Amino acid sequence: MTFAELTNVLTAHFGADAGLEANTQNPQPYLIVPAKRITDICRFLRNDERLFFDFLACMTGIDNGPQAGTMEVVYHLTSIPYEHDLTLKVIIPRTPADESTHEGLPVVPSVTAVWRTADWHEREIYDLVGIYFEGHHDLRRILLPTDWVGHPLRKDYKDLDTYHGIKVN
């Protein structure tokens, strides 16, 4: 199934006002999805018999920096039996000005109820980039110690000089 066909199926199901935005300017086209719709759209992509995206291959968190003021979560999906791929992107404010924040972190709904592999991906993004995944059953650091301060893949992260008396730099 082509990217245009996938986009048409999603638009037909969720409606033209679902907030889906296709970007075909890149060599790998992607759909921009509103954060609040990501779980429903992913569940549909997995469960619809025409699509059957049974594999969440990768999730990536991106900090576009303080000047851009946005962060992204990129989802790479594959339908193994149908051999088609789809990339979804959620773009959120880096420092939300409303209630969509968790302790100062931007919030995206979890997709762990759709694909269990999202568990580790979301924990890694939370740990390193500082995006909170609402609804994740065990969102805690996965690579850094639990008492680590900050998120090292943020563009404005300041390296620690020491950690528990150990020189880091």
Protein backbone atom coordinates (compact mmCIF):
# COMPACT_ATOMS: atom_id res chain seq x y z
CA MET A 1 0.00 0.00 0.00
CA THR A 2 1.38 3.40 -0.93
CA PHE A 3 1.76 6.35 1.41
CA ALA A 4 -1.11 8.15 -0.35
CA GLU A 5 -3.36 5.10 0.04
CA LEU A 6 -2.49 4.80 3.74
CA THR A 7 -3.21 8.49 4.23
CA ASN A 8 -6.57 8.13 2.47
CA VAL A 9 -7.59 5.18 4.66
CA LEU A 10 -6.75 7.15 7.82
CA THR A 11 -8.51 10.28 6.61
CA ALA A 12 -11.60 8.27 5.63
CA HIS A 13 -11.73 6.65 9.07
CA PHE A 14 -10.83 9.62 11.29
CA GLY A 15 -12.23 12.42 9.14
CA ALA A 16 -10.68 15.41 7.46
CA ASP A 17 -10.69 17.30 10.77
CA ALA A 18 -8.52 14.70 12.55
CA GLY A 19 -5.50 16.96 12.24
CA LEU A 20 -3.47 14.58 10.07
CA GLU A 21 -0.89 16.36 7.95
CA ALA A 22 1.02 14.52 5.23
CA ASN A 23 4.59 15.53 4.48
CA THR A 24 5.76 14.14 1.15
CA GLN A 25 8.71 16.52 0.69
CA ASN A 26 11.17 14.13 2.35
CA PRO A 27 12.54 11.00 0.67
CA GLN A 28 10.61 9.11 3.35
CA PRO A 29 7.16 10.70 3.65
CA TYR A 30 5.50 10.89 7.05
CA LEU A 31 2.22 11.82 8.66
CA ILE A 32 2.10 14.44 11.38
CA VAL A 33 -0.42 13.32 13.99
CA PRO A 34 -1.82 15.42 16.85
CA ALA A 35 -0.46 14.11 20.16
CA LYS A 36 -3.92 13.56 21.61
CA ARG A 37 -4.82 11.24 18.68
CA ILE A 38 -1.66 9.11 18.52
CA THR A 39 -2.93 6.14 20.54
CA ASP A 40 -6.24 5.88 18.67
CA ILE A 41 -4.54 6.18 15.29
CA CYS A 42 -1.88 3.61 16.20
CA ARG A 43 -4.53 1.19 17.48
CA PHE A 44 -6.45 1.57 14.21
CA LEU A 45 -3.26 1.04 12.16
CA ARG A 46 -2.61 -2.19 14.05
CA ASN A 47 -6.16 -3.55 14.11
CA ASP A 48 -7.50 -2.67 10.65
CA GLU A 49 -7.26 -5.79 8.48
CA ARG A 50 -6.23 -3.77 5.41
CA LEU A 51 -3.26 -2.25 7.22
CA PHE A 52 -2.16 -4.54 10.08
CA PHE A 53 0.85 -2.57 11.31
CA ASP A 54 1.95 -5.29 13.70
CA PHE A 55 5.48 -4.04 14.31
CA LEU A 56 6.67 -0.84 15.97
CA ALA A 57 10.20 -0.92 14.59
CA CYS A 58 11.49 2.20 16.29
CA MET A 59 10.51 5.29 18.24
CA THR A 60 12.75 8.32 18.40
CA GLY A 61 12.58 11.44 20.53
CA ILE A 62 13.98 14.65 19.08
CA ASP A 63 14.63 17.99 20.73
CA ASN A 64 14.55 20.70 18.09
CA GLY A 65 16.12 23.11 20.55
CA PRO A 66 15.01 26.12 22.56
CA GLN A 67 14.88 28.40 19.51
CA ALA A 68 12.51 26.09 17.60
CA GLY A 69 10.54 25.48 20.77
CA THR A 70 9.37 22.02 19.74
CA MET A 71 10.11 18.37 20.35
CA GLU A 72 9.11 15.37 18.27
CA VAL A 73 8.36 11.71 18.69
CA VAL A 74 8.82 9.70 15.49
CA TYR A 75 7.18 6.28 15.11
CA HIS A 76 8.42 3.83 12.45
CA LEU A 77 5.75 1.21 11.79
CA THR A 78 5.85 -1.92 9.66
CA SER A 79 3.25 -4.38 8.53
CA ILE A 80 5.25 -7.58 8.27
CA PRO A 81 2.67 -9.62 6.32
CA TYR A 82 1.75 -6.78 3.92
CA GLU A 83 5.32 -5.45 3.65
CA HIS A 84 4.48 -1.79 3.96
CA ASP A 85 5.93 0.87 6.22
CA LEU A 86 4.65 4.12 7.66
CA THR A 87 6.29 6.90 9.62
CA LEU A 88 4.25 8.99 12.04
CA LYS A 89 5.44 12.12 13.77
CA VAL A 90 4.04 13.93 16.81
CA ILE A 91 5.26 17.51 17.23
CA ILE A 92 4.75 19.09 20.66
CA PRO A 93 5.78 22.32 22.35
CA ARG A 94 9.11 21.94 24.14
CA THR A 95 7.80 23.71 27.21
CA PRO A 96 4.02 23.52 27.18
CA ALA A 97 2.21 26.57 28.49
CA ASP A 98 -0.89 24.66 29.59
CA GLU A 99 -1.88 21.60 31.60
CA SER A 100 -0.33 19.23 29.02
CA THR A 101 2.85 19.05 31.06
CA HIS A 102 4.17 16.65 33.68
CA GLU A 103 6.64 18.29 36.04
CA GLY A 104 7.71 20.67 33.28
CA LEU A 105 8.07 17.96 30.64
CA PRO A 106 6.01 17.82 27.46
CA VAL A 107 3.46 15.01 27.40
CA VAL A 108 2.55 12.48 24.71
CA PRO A 109 0.10 9.61 25.25
CA SER A 110 1.72 6.19 25.54
CA VAL A 111 1.29 3.55 22.83
CA THR A 112 2.36 0.66 25.09
CA ALA A 113 -1.22 -0.65 25.05
CA VAL A 114 -0.87 -1.00 21.26
CA TRP A 115 2.65 -2.40 20.99
CA ARG A 116 4.52 -3.80 23.99
CA THR A 117 7.83 -2.85 22.39
CA ALA A 118 6.92 0.79 23.02
CA ASP A 119 7.68 0.16 26.70
CA TRP A 120 11.45 0.34 26.24
CA HIS A 121 11.34 3.00 23.52
CA GLU A 122 9.22 5.34 25.65
CA ARG A 123 11.40 4.82 28.70
CA GLU A 124 14.53 5.63 26.69
CA ILE A 125 12.96 8.79 25.24
CA TYR A 126 11.78 9.85 28.69
CA ASP A 127 15.23 9.21 30.18
CA LEU A 128 17.36 10.90 27.52
CA VAL A 129 15.10 13.51 25.90
CA GLY A 130 12.62 14.30 28.66
CA ILE A 131 9.25 13.59 27.08
CA TYR A 132 6.67 12.17 29.48
CA PHE A 133 4.46 9.35 28.14
CA GLU A 134 1.08 9.58 29.82
CA GLY A 135 -0.45 6.19 30.56
CA HIS A 136 2.86 4.32 30.52
CA HIS A 137 2.64 1.67 33.26
CA ASP A 138 6.25 1.97 34.48
CA LEU A 139 7.82 5.17 33.16
CA ARG A 140 11.20 5.44 34.83
CA ARG A 141 14.79 5.88 33.75
CA ILE A 142 16.22 2.99 31.78
CA LEU A 143 19.82 4.01 30.97
CA LEU A 144 20.75 6.58 33.61
CA PRO A 145 20.66 6.27 37.41
CA THR A 146 17.31 7.13 38.98
CA ASP A 147 18.73 10.23 40.68
CA TRP A 148 20.34 11.67 37.52
CA VAL A 149 19.47 15.32 36.97
CA GLY A 150 18.22 16.35 33.55
CA HIS A 151 17.92 14.69 30.16
CA PRO A 152 21.26 14.49 28.29
CA LEU A 153 19.91 14.59 24.72
CA ARG A 154 18.20 17.94 25.22
CA LYS A 155 19.93 20.70 23.28
CA ASP A 156 20.27 22.87 26.42
CA TYR A 157 21.54 20.09 28.71
CA LYS A 158 24.49 21.09 30.85
CA ASP A 159 26.94 18.29 31.58
CA LEU A 160 27.44 17.51 35.24
CA ASP A 161 30.91 18.05 36.64
CA THR A 162 30.52 15.31 39.22
CA TYR A 163 28.06 12.59 40.10
CA HIS A 164 28.21 11.30 43.70
CA GLY A 165 31.76 12.60 44.01
CA ILE A 166 32.90 10.99 40.74
CA LYS A 167 34.28 13.33 38.09
CA VAL A 168 32.04 13.05 35.02
CA ASN A 169 33.79 15.39 32.59
